[in-house]
Amino acid sequence: MALKEKFTETDWAMVLEAPMLAGLAITAADPGGLIGAVQESAAMAGSLKDASAGSLAAEVAEAYKTSEGRSAAMDGVKALVKGKKPPEITDAAIARLSEILGTVKTTAPEEAGAFSEFLIDTATRTAEAAKEGGFLGFGGEAVSDAEKKTLADLQAALGGSAGV
């Protein structure tokens, strides 16, 4: 039985939001320019590509290969961020990720720890993807203080270790 089949349709749509929310929490914590946003989005996508076979993260990555999977994830994320400012988006994303992990713990408890680590890894990769505060790629810092705080908040909400 595929892990996806353990979830209701509504819960599965929430699980699909998780990688986007992990990346978005970081991006909203310290919004940079267009190039930084593209680099951070690519890092989020890269974490999906590297998901361990047979894991819940791998099933999410598989779902992202379909327009239905991407749409389900985007619809939930859009609804969550509508009308919010960046700091509110970060807080809402972290709260939603905690809710999603609670659903995973209830529905597929054997996957909860690995999925939590996957989400923290996704956020960490996103934070490390683009320098913050520089000019045209020069100067700046690899991970800003706001991103470090968000990673710590994510770690507290999801458990696990934030590698930064």
N, C-alpha and C. Protein backbone atom coordinates (compact mmCIF):
# COMPACT_ATOMS: atom_id res chain seq x y z
N MET A 1 0.84 -1.18 0.00
CA MET A 1 0.00 0.00 0.00
C MET A 1 0.88 1.23 0.00
N ALA A 2 0.62 2.13 -0.92
CA ALA A 2 1.37 3.39 -1.00
C ALA A 2 1.03 4.25 0.22
N LEU A 3 1.99 4.98 0.69
CA LEU A 3 1.76 5.84 1.85
C LEU A 3 0.64 6.84 1.58
N LYS A 4 0.57 7.34 0.37
CA LYS A 4 -0.48 8.31 0.00
C LYS A 4 -1.87 7.77 0.33
N GLU A 5 -2.07 6.49 0.14
CA GLU A 5 -3.38 5.88 0.34
C GLU A 5 -3.81 5.85 1.81
N LYS A 6 -2.88 6.07 2.72
CA LYS A 6 -3.23 6.13 4.14
C LYS A 6 -3.96 7.43 4.49
N PHE A 7 -3.76 8.47 3.67
CA PHE A 7 -4.29 9.80 3.96
C PHE A 7 -5.62 10.02 3.25
N THR A 8 -6.48 10.83 3.88
CA THR A 8 -7.68 11.28 3.18
C THR A 8 -7.23 12.22 2.07
N GLU A 9 -8.09 12.50 1.15
CA GLU A 9 -7.74 13.41 0.05
C GLU A 9 -7.35 14.80 0.58
N THR A 10 -8.08 15.27 1.57
CA THR A 10 -7.79 16.58 2.17
C THR A 10 -6.44 16.57 2.88
N ASP A 11 -6.18 15.52 3.65
CA ASP A 11 -4.90 15.42 4.37
C ASP A 11 -3.73 15.28 3.40
N TRP A 12 -3.92 14.53 2.32
CA TRP A 12 -2.85 14.37 1.33
C TRP A 12 -2.53 15.72 0.68
N ALA A 13 -3.55 16.50 0.38
CA ALA A 13 -3.32 17.83 -0.19
C ALA A 13 -2.49 18.68 0.78
N MET A 14 -2.76 18.56 2.08
CA MET A 14 -1.97 19.28 3.08
C MET A 14 -0.52 18.81 3.08
N VAL A 15 -0.32 17.50 3.02
CA VAL A 15 1.04 16.95 3.02
C VAL A 15 1.81 17.47 1.80
N LEU A 16 1.12 17.60 0.67
CA LEU A 16 1.77 18.11 -0.53
C LEU A 16 2.25 19.56 -0.37
N GLU A 17 1.59 20.31 0.47
CA GLU A 17 1.99 21.71 0.71
C GLU A 17 3.34 21.81 1.44
N ALA A 18 3.68 20.80 2.22
CA ALA A 18 4.77 20.89 3.18
C ALA A 18 6.11 21.35 2.60
N PRO A 19 6.63 20.76 1.51
CA PRO A 19 7.93 21.24 1.02
C PRO A 19 7.89 22.70 0.58
N MET A 20 6.81 23.09 -0.07
CA MET A 20 6.69 24.50 -0.48
C MET A 20 6.66 25.41 0.73
N LEU A 21 5.94 25.01 1.76
CA LEU A 21 5.86 25.82 2.97
C LEU A 21 7.20 25.92 3.68
N ALA A 22 7.96 24.84 3.68
CA ALA A 22 9.29 24.86 4.32
C ALA A 22 10.19 25.87 3.61
N GLY A 23 10.17 25.87 2.29
CA GLY A 23 10.95 26.85 1.53
C GLY A 23 10.41 28.25 1.68
N LEU A 24 9.09 28.38 1.63
CA LEU A 24 8.45 29.69 1.72
C LEU A 24 8.70 30.35 3.07
N ALA A 25 8.71 29.58 4.13
CA ALA A 25 8.98 30.15 5.46
C ALA A 25 10.33 30.87 5.47
N ILE A 26 11.31 30.28 4.83
CA ILE A 26 12.65 30.88 4.75
C ILE A 26 12.65 32.09 3.84
N THR A 27 12.08 31.95 2.65
CA THR A 27 12.06 33.05 1.69
C THR A 27 11.35 34.27 2.26
N ALA A 28 10.24 34.05 2.95
CA ALA A 28 9.49 35.16 3.53
C ALA A 28 10.20 35.77 4.74
N ALA A 29 11.03 34.98 5.41
CA ALA A 29 11.75 35.48 6.59
C ALA A 29 12.72 36.60 6.22
N ASP A 30 13.31 36.50 5.05
CA ASP A 30 14.27 37.52 4.61
C ASP A 30 14.15 37.65 3.09
N PRO A 31 13.09 38.32 2.65
CA PRO A 31 12.87 38.44 1.20
C PRO A 31 14.03 39.17 0.53
N GLY A 32 14.55 38.57 -0.51
CA GLY A 32 15.63 39.18 -1.28
C GLY A 32 15.12 39.53 -2.66
N GLY A 33 15.99 39.62 -3.58
CA GLY A 33 15.62 39.95 -4.94
C GLY A 33 15.19 38.73 -5.73
N LEU A 34 14.93 38.97 -6.98
CA LEU A 34 14.45 37.93 -7.89
C LEU A 34 15.44 36.77 -8.00
N ILE A 35 16.71 37.09 -8.14
CA ILE A 35 17.72 36.03 -8.30
C ILE A 35 17.76 35.15 -7.06
N GLY A 36 17.72 35.76 -5.90
CA GLY A 36 17.72 34.98 -4.66
C GLY A 36 16.49 34.10 -4.55
N ALA A 37 15.34 34.63 -4.94
CA ALA A 37 14.10 33.85 -4.89
C ALA A 37 14.17 32.64 -5.82
N VAL A 38 14.76 32.84 -7.00
CA VAL A 38 14.90 31.73 -7.95
C VAL A 38 15.86 30.68 -7.37
N GLN A 39 16.97 31.13 -6.79
CA GLN A 39 17.94 30.20 -6.20
C GLN A 39 17.29 29.41 -5.05
N GLU A 40 16.50 30.10 -4.24
CA GLU A 40 15.86 29.44 -3.12
C GLU A 40 14.80 28.44 -3.60
N SER A 41 14.07 28.81 -4.64
CA SER A 41 13.07 27.88 -5.21
C SER A 41 13.74 26.64 -5.78
N ALA A 42 14.87 26.84 -6.43
CA ALA A 42 15.61 25.70 -6.99
C ALA A 42 16.11 24.78 -5.88
N ALA A 43 16.52 25.35 -4.76
CA ALA A 43 16.98 24.54 -3.64
C ALA A 43 15.84 23.70 -3.07
N MET A 44 14.65 24.30 -2.97
CA MET A 44 13.49 23.56 -2.50
C MET A 44 13.20 22.39 -3.44
N ALA A 45 13.23 22.66 -4.73
CA ALA A 45 12.98 21.60 -5.72
C ALA A 45 14.05 20.52 -5.64
N GLY A 46 15.28 20.91 -5.40
CA GLY A 46 16.38 19.95 -5.28
C GLY A 46 16.18 19.00 -4.12
N SER A 47 15.60 19.48 -3.03
CA SER A 47 15.37 18.60 -1.89
C SER A 47 14.36 17.51 -2.25
N LEU A 48 13.40 17.85 -3.08
CA LEU A 48 12.43 16.85 -3.54
C LEU A 48 13.12 15.78 -4.39
N LYS A 49 14.01 16.24 -5.24
CA LYS A 49 14.72 15.32 -6.13
C LYS A 49 15.56 14.32 -5.34
N ASP A 50 16.05 14.74 -4.18
CA ASP A 50 16.93 13.90 -3.38
C ASP A 50 16.19 13.08 -2.32
N ALA A 51 14.85 13.10 -2.33
CA ALA A 51 14.08 12.37 -1.32
C ALA A 51 14.38 10.87 -1.40
N SER A 52 14.49 10.25 -0.25
CA SER A 52 14.80 8.81 -0.19
C SER A 52 13.67 7.98 -0.77
N ALA A 53 14.03 7.04 -1.62
CA ALA A 53 13.04 6.16 -2.25
C ALA A 53 12.22 5.44 -1.19
N GLY A 54 10.94 5.30 -1.45
CA GLY A 54 10.05 4.59 -0.55
C GLY A 54 9.56 5.42 0.63
N SER A 55 10.01 6.65 0.73
CA SER A 55 9.62 7.50 1.85
C SER A 55 8.40 8.34 1.49
N LEU A 56 7.81 8.95 2.50
CA LEU A 56 6.70 9.87 2.27
C LEU A 56 7.18 11.05 1.42
N ALA A 57 8.37 11.53 1.68
CA ALA A 57 8.93 12.63 0.88
C ALA A 57 9.04 12.24 -0.58
N ALA A 58 9.43 11.00 -0.85
CA ALA A 58 9.53 10.53 -2.24
C ALA A 58 8.15 10.47 -2.90
N GLU A 59 7.13 10.09 -2.14
CA GLU A 59 5.78 10.08 -2.71
C GLU A 59 5.30 11.50 -2.99
N VAL A 60 5.66 12.44 -2.14
CA VAL A 60 5.33 13.84 -2.39
C VAL A 60 6.04 14.31 -3.66
N ALA A 61 7.33 13.96 -3.78
CA ALA A 61 8.09 14.34 -4.97
C ALA A 61 7.45 13.76 -6.22
N GLU A 62 6.99 12.53 -6.15
CA GLU A 62 6.32 11.88 -7.28
C GLU A 62 5.05 12.64 -7.64
N ALA A 63 4.30 13.05 -6.63
CA ALA A 63 3.06 13.80 -6.87
C ALA A 63 3.34 15.14 -7.54
N TYR A 64 4.48 15.75 -7.22
CA TYR A 64 4.84 17.05 -7.82
C TYR A 64 5.13 16.92 -9.32
N LYS A 65 5.33 15.71 -9.79
CA LYS A 65 5.57 15.50 -11.22
C LYS A 65 4.28 15.61 -12.03
N THR A 66 3.14 15.67 -11.34
CA THR A 66 1.86 15.79 -12.02
C THR A 66 1.29 17.18 -11.81
N SER A 67 0.53 17.65 -12.76
CA SER A 67 -0.09 18.98 -12.61
C SER A 67 -1.09 18.97 -11.45
N GLU A 68 -1.76 17.83 -11.21
CA GLU A 68 -2.71 17.75 -10.11
C GLU A 68 -2.00 17.90 -8.76
N GLY A 69 -0.87 17.24 -8.63
CA GLY A 69 -0.11 17.32 -7.38
C GLY A 69 0.40 18.72 -7.12
N ARG A 70 0.97 19.33 -8.14
CA ARG A 70 1.47 20.71 -7.98
C ARG A 70 0.33 21.67 -7.68
N SER A 71 -0.79 21.49 -8.37
CA SER A 71 -1.94 22.38 -8.15
C SER A 71 -2.49 22.24 -6.74
N ALA A 72 -2.59 21.02 -6.25
CA ALA A 72 -3.09 20.80 -4.89
C ALA A 72 -2.19 21.51 -3.88
N ALA A 73 -0.89 21.39 -4.07
CA ALA A 73 0.06 22.06 -3.16
C ALA A 73 -0.06 23.57 -3.26
N MET A 74 -0.07 24.07 -4.48
CA MET A 74 -0.13 25.53 -4.68
C MET A 74 -1.43 26.13 -4.16
N ASP A 75 -2.54 25.45 -4.36
CA ASP A 75 -3.83 25.97 -3.89
C ASP A 75 -3.82 26.18 -2.39
N GLY A 76 -3.30 25.22 -1.66
CA GLY A 76 -3.23 25.35 -0.21
C GLY A 76 -2.29 26.45 0.23
N VAL A 77 -1.15 26.56 -0.43
CA VAL A 77 -0.17 27.59 -0.08
C VAL A 77 -0.74 28.98 -0.39
N LYS A 78 -1.36 29.13 -1.55
CA LYS A 78 -1.95 30.42 -1.92
C LYS A 78 -2.99 30.87 -0.90
N ALA A 79 -3.84 29.94 -0.49
CA ALA A 79 -4.88 30.27 0.49
C ALA A 79 -4.25 30.69 1.82
N LEU A 80 -3.17 30.05 2.20
CA LEU A 80 -2.52 30.35 3.46
C LEU A 80 -1.87 31.73 3.47
N VAL A 81 -1.28 32.15 2.36
CA VAL A 81 -0.52 33.40 2.34
C VAL A 81 -1.32 34.62 1.88
N LYS A 82 -2.50 34.39 1.36
CA LYS A 82 -3.28 35.49 0.81
C LYS A 82 -3.47 36.62 1.82
N GLY A 83 -3.07 37.83 1.41
CA GLY A 83 -3.24 39.02 2.22
C GLY A 83 -2.26 39.17 3.37
N LYS A 84 -1.27 38.32 3.46
CA LYS A 84 -0.31 38.38 4.57
C LYS A 84 0.99 39.05 4.14
N LYS A 85 1.64 39.69 5.10
CA LYS A 85 2.96 40.27 4.90
C LYS A 85 4.00 39.19 5.18
N PRO A 86 5.24 39.37 4.68
CA PRO A 86 6.26 38.32 4.86
C PRO A 86 6.41 37.74 6.26
N PRO A 87 6.49 38.56 7.32
CA PRO A 87 6.62 37.93 8.65
C PRO A 87 5.40 37.07 9.03
N GLU A 88 4.23 37.50 8.59
CA GLU A 88 3.01 36.72 8.86
C GLU A 88 3.02 35.42 8.06
N ILE A 89 3.58 35.48 6.85
CA ILE A 89 3.69 34.28 6.02
C ILE A 89 4.61 33.26 6.68
N THR A 90 5.73 33.74 7.20
CA THR A 90 6.66 32.84 7.89
C THR A 90 5.97 32.16 9.06
N ASP A 91 5.29 32.94 9.89
CA ASP A 91 4.60 32.37 11.06
C ASP A 91 3.51 31.39 10.65
N ALA A 92 2.73 31.76 9.63
CA ALA A 92 1.64 30.90 9.16
C ALA A 92 2.19 29.60 8.57
N ALA A 93 3.30 29.70 7.84
CA ALA A 93 3.91 28.51 7.24
C ALA A 93 4.40 27.55 8.33
N ILE A 94 5.04 28.08 9.35
CA ILE A 94 5.54 27.23 10.44
C ILE A 94 4.37 26.57 11.18
N ALA A 95 3.33 27.33 11.46
CA ALA A 95 2.16 26.77 12.14
C ALA A 95 1.53 25.67 11.29
N ARG A 96 1.41 25.90 9.99
CA ARG A 96 0.81 24.92 9.10
C ARG A 96 1.69 23.67 9.02
N LEU A 97 3.01 23.84 8.97
CA LEU A 97 3.92 22.69 8.94
C LEU A 97 3.77 21.84 10.20
N SER A 98 3.60 22.49 11.33
CA SER A 98 3.39 21.77 12.58
C SER A 98 2.09 20.97 12.51
N GLU A 99 1.05 21.59 11.96
CA GLU A 99 -0.23 20.91 11.78
C GLU A 99 -0.09 19.70 10.84
N ILE A 100 0.62 19.91 9.75
CA ILE A 100 0.83 18.83 8.77
C ILE A 100 1.59 17.68 9.41
N LEU A 101 2.64 17.99 10.17
CA LEU A 101 3.41 16.93 10.83
C LEU A 101 2.54 16.18 11.83
N GLY A 102 1.64 16.88 12.49
CA GLY A 102 0.69 16.22 13.40
C GLY A 102 -0.17 15.21 12.65
N THR A 103 -0.60 15.58 11.46
CA THR A 103 -1.39 14.67 10.62
C THR A 103 -0.56 13.46 10.22
N VAL A 104 0.70 13.70 9.85
CA VAL A 104 1.58 12.59 9.48
C VAL A 104 1.80 11.68 10.68
N LYS A 105 2.01 12.24 11.86
CA LYS A 105 2.22 11.42 13.07
C LYS A 105 1.02 10.53 13.36
N THR A 106 -0.18 11.04 13.07
CA THR A 106 -1.40 10.28 13.31
C THR A 106 -1.62 9.22 12.24
N THR A 107 -1.38 9.58 10.99
CA THR A 107 -1.72 8.72 9.86
C THR A 107 -0.61 7.74 9.48
N ALA A 108 0.62 8.21 9.51
CA ALA A 108 1.76 7.36 9.14
C ALA A 108 2.89 7.62 10.13
N PRO A 109 2.70 7.23 11.39
CA PRO A 109 3.67 7.57 12.43
C PRO A 109 5.09 7.09 12.13
N GLU A 110 5.21 6.01 11.40
CA GLU A 110 6.54 5.48 11.07
C GLU A 110 7.31 6.42 10.13
N GLU A 111 6.62 7.35 9.49
CA GLU A 111 7.24 8.29 8.56
C GLU A 111 7.49 9.67 9.16
N ALA A 112 6.93 9.93 10.33
CA ALA A 112 6.95 11.29 10.90
C ALA A 112 8.36 11.84 11.11
N GLY A 113 9.24 11.07 11.69
CA GLY A 113 10.60 11.55 11.96
C GLY A 113 11.35 11.88 10.68
N ALA A 114 11.30 10.97 9.73
CA ALA A 114 12.00 11.20 8.46
C ALA A 114 11.39 12.37 7.70
N PHE A 115 10.07 12.51 7.76
CA PHE A 115 9.42 13.61 7.04
C PHE A 115 9.78 14.95 7.70
N SER A 116 9.84 14.96 9.01
CA SER A 116 10.27 16.17 9.73
C SER A 116 11.68 16.56 9.31
N GLU A 117 12.59 15.60 9.29
CA GLU A 117 13.97 15.88 8.89
C GLU A 117 14.04 16.35 7.43
N PHE A 118 13.22 15.77 6.58
CA PHE A 118 13.16 16.20 5.18
C PHE A 118 12.74 17.66 5.09
N LEU A 119 11.74 18.06 5.87
CA LEU A 119 11.26 19.44 5.84
C LEU A 119 12.32 20.41 6.38
N ILE A 120 13.00 20.02 7.44
CA ILE A 120 14.07 20.86 7.99
C ILE A 120 15.22 20.96 7.00
N ASP A 121 15.55 19.86 6.34
CA ASP A 121 16.59 19.87 5.30
C ASP A 121 16.18 20.78 4.14
N THR A 122 14.93 20.71 3.75
CA THR A 122 14.43 21.58 2.67
C THR A 122 14.59 23.04 3.05
N ALA A 123 14.21 23.38 4.26
CA ALA A 123 14.34 24.76 4.73
C ALA A 123 15.80 25.18 4.82
N THR A 124 16.66 24.29 5.30
CA THR A 124 18.09 24.60 5.41
C THR A 124 18.70 24.83 4.03
N ARG A 125 18.38 23.96 3.09
CA ARG A 125 18.88 24.15 1.72
C ARG A 125 18.41 25.48 1.14
N THR A 126 17.17 25.81 1.42
CA THR A 126 16.62 27.07 0.92
C THR A 126 17.38 28.25 1.52
N ALA A 127 17.64 28.19 2.82
CA ALA A 127 18.36 29.27 3.50
C ALA A 127 19.78 29.43 2.96
N GLU A 128 20.41 28.33 2.62
CA GLU A 128 21.80 28.36 2.16
C GLU A 128 21.94 28.66 0.66
N ALA A 129 20.83 28.73 -0.05
CA ALA A 129 20.87 28.84 -1.51
C ALA A 129 21.32 30.19 -2.04
N ALA A 130 21.01 31.25 -1.33
CA ALA A 130 21.33 32.58 -1.83
C ALA A 130 21.89 33.44 -0.71
N LYS A 131 22.90 34.22 -1.02
CA LYS A 131 23.45 35.15 -0.03
C LYS A 131 22.46 36.28 0.19
N GLU A 132 22.38 36.72 1.43
CA GLU A 132 21.47 37.80 1.80
C GLU A 132 22.27 39.06 2.12
N GLY A 133 21.79 40.19 1.63
CA GLY A 133 22.39 41.47 1.99
C GLY A 133 23.56 41.90 1.14
N GLY A 134 23.88 41.19 0.10
CA GLY A 134 24.99 41.58 -0.77
C GLY A 134 24.51 42.42 -1.93
N PHE A 135 25.42 42.67 -2.86
CA PHE A 135 25.09 43.43 -4.06
C PHE A 135 25.64 42.68 -5.26
N LEU A 136 24.75 42.28 -6.16
CA LEU A 136 25.12 41.57 -7.38
C LEU A 136 25.96 40.32 -7.08
N GLY A 137 25.60 39.65 -5.99
CA GLY A 137 26.29 38.40 -5.65
C GLY A 137 27.55 38.57 -4.84
N PHE A 138 27.92 39.81 -4.52
CA PHE A 138 29.12 40.06 -3.73
C PHE A 138 28.73 40.47 -2.32
N GLY A 139 29.51 40.02 -1.36
CA GLY A 139 29.24 40.37 0.03
C GLY A 139 28.04 39.60 0.54
N GLY A 140 27.46 40.11 1.57
CA GLY A 140 26.30 39.45 2.15
C GLY A 140 26.70 38.26 2.99
N GLU A 141 25.68 37.59 3.51
CA GLU A 141 25.93 36.42 4.35
C GLU A 141 25.17 35.23 3.80
N ALA A 142 25.75 34.05 4.02
CA ALA A 142 25.14 32.83 3.47
C ALA A 142 23.75 32.59 4.04
N VAL A 143 23.60 32.76 5.33
CA VAL A 143 22.30 32.59 5.98
C VAL A 143 22.11 33.77 6.92
N SER A 144 21.09 34.55 6.67
CA SER A 144 20.85 35.75 7.47
C SER A 144 20.35 35.39 8.87
N ASP A 145 20.39 36.37 9.76
CA ASP A 145 19.89 36.14 11.12
C ASP A 145 18.41 35.78 11.10
N ALA A 146 17.63 36.42 10.23
CA ALA A 146 16.20 36.11 10.14
C ALA A 146 15.99 34.68 9.68
N GLU A 147 16.82 34.22 8.75
CA GLU A 147 16.71 32.84 8.28
C GLU A 147 17.13 31.86 9.38
N LYS A 148 18.18 32.20 10.13
CA LYS A 148 18.61 31.35 11.24
C LYS A 148 17.51 31.22 12.28
N LYS A 149 16.85 32.34 12.58
CA LYS A 149 15.75 32.31 13.54
C LYS A 149 14.61 31.44 13.02
N THR A 150 14.30 31.56 11.74
CA THR A 150 13.23 30.76 11.16
C THR A 150 13.57 29.29 11.19
N LEU A 151 14.81 28.95 10.89
CA LEU A 151 15.24 27.55 10.97
C LEU A 151 15.10 27.02 12.41
N ALA A 152 15.47 27.83 13.37
CA ALA A 152 15.33 27.42 14.78
C ALA A 152 13.85 27.25 15.14
N ASP A 153 13.01 28.16 14.66
CA ASP A 153 11.57 28.05 14.91
C ASP A 153 10.99 26.79 14.26
N LEU A 154 11.45 26.49 13.06
CA LEU A 154 11.00 25.27 12.37
C LEU A 154 11.44 24.04 13.14
N GLN A 155 12.68 24.05 13.59
CA GLN A 155 13.20 22.91 14.37
C GLN A 155 12.36 22.72 15.62
N ALA A 156 12.02 23.81 16.30
CA ALA A 156 11.21 23.71 17.52
C ALA A 156 9.81 23.17 17.19
N ALA A 157 9.25 23.59 16.08
CA ALA A 157 7.91 23.17 15.70
C ALA A 157 7.86 21.72 15.19
N LEU A 158 8.94 21.30 14.55
CA LEU A 158 8.94 19.98 13.89
C LEU A 158 9.81 18.95 14.59
N GLY A 159 10.64 19.38 15.52
CA GLY A 159 11.60 18.46 16.11
C GLY A 159 12.74 18.26 15.13
N GLY A 160 13.78 17.61 15.52
CA GLY A 160 14.89 17.38 14.60
C GLY A 160 15.97 18.42 14.78
N SER A 161 16.89 18.47 13.81
CA SER A 161 18.01 19.39 13.89
C SER A 161 18.09 20.25 12.66
N ALA A 162 18.29 21.54 12.86
CA ALA A 162 18.40 22.48 11.77
C ALA A 162 19.85 22.66 11.43
N GLY A 163 20.46 22.06 10.56
CA GLY A 163 21.89 22.05 10.30
C GLY A 163 22.60 23.37 10.14
N VAL A 164 22.03 24.51 10.50
CA VAL A 164 22.73 25.79 10.34
C VAL A 164 22.92 26.43 11.69
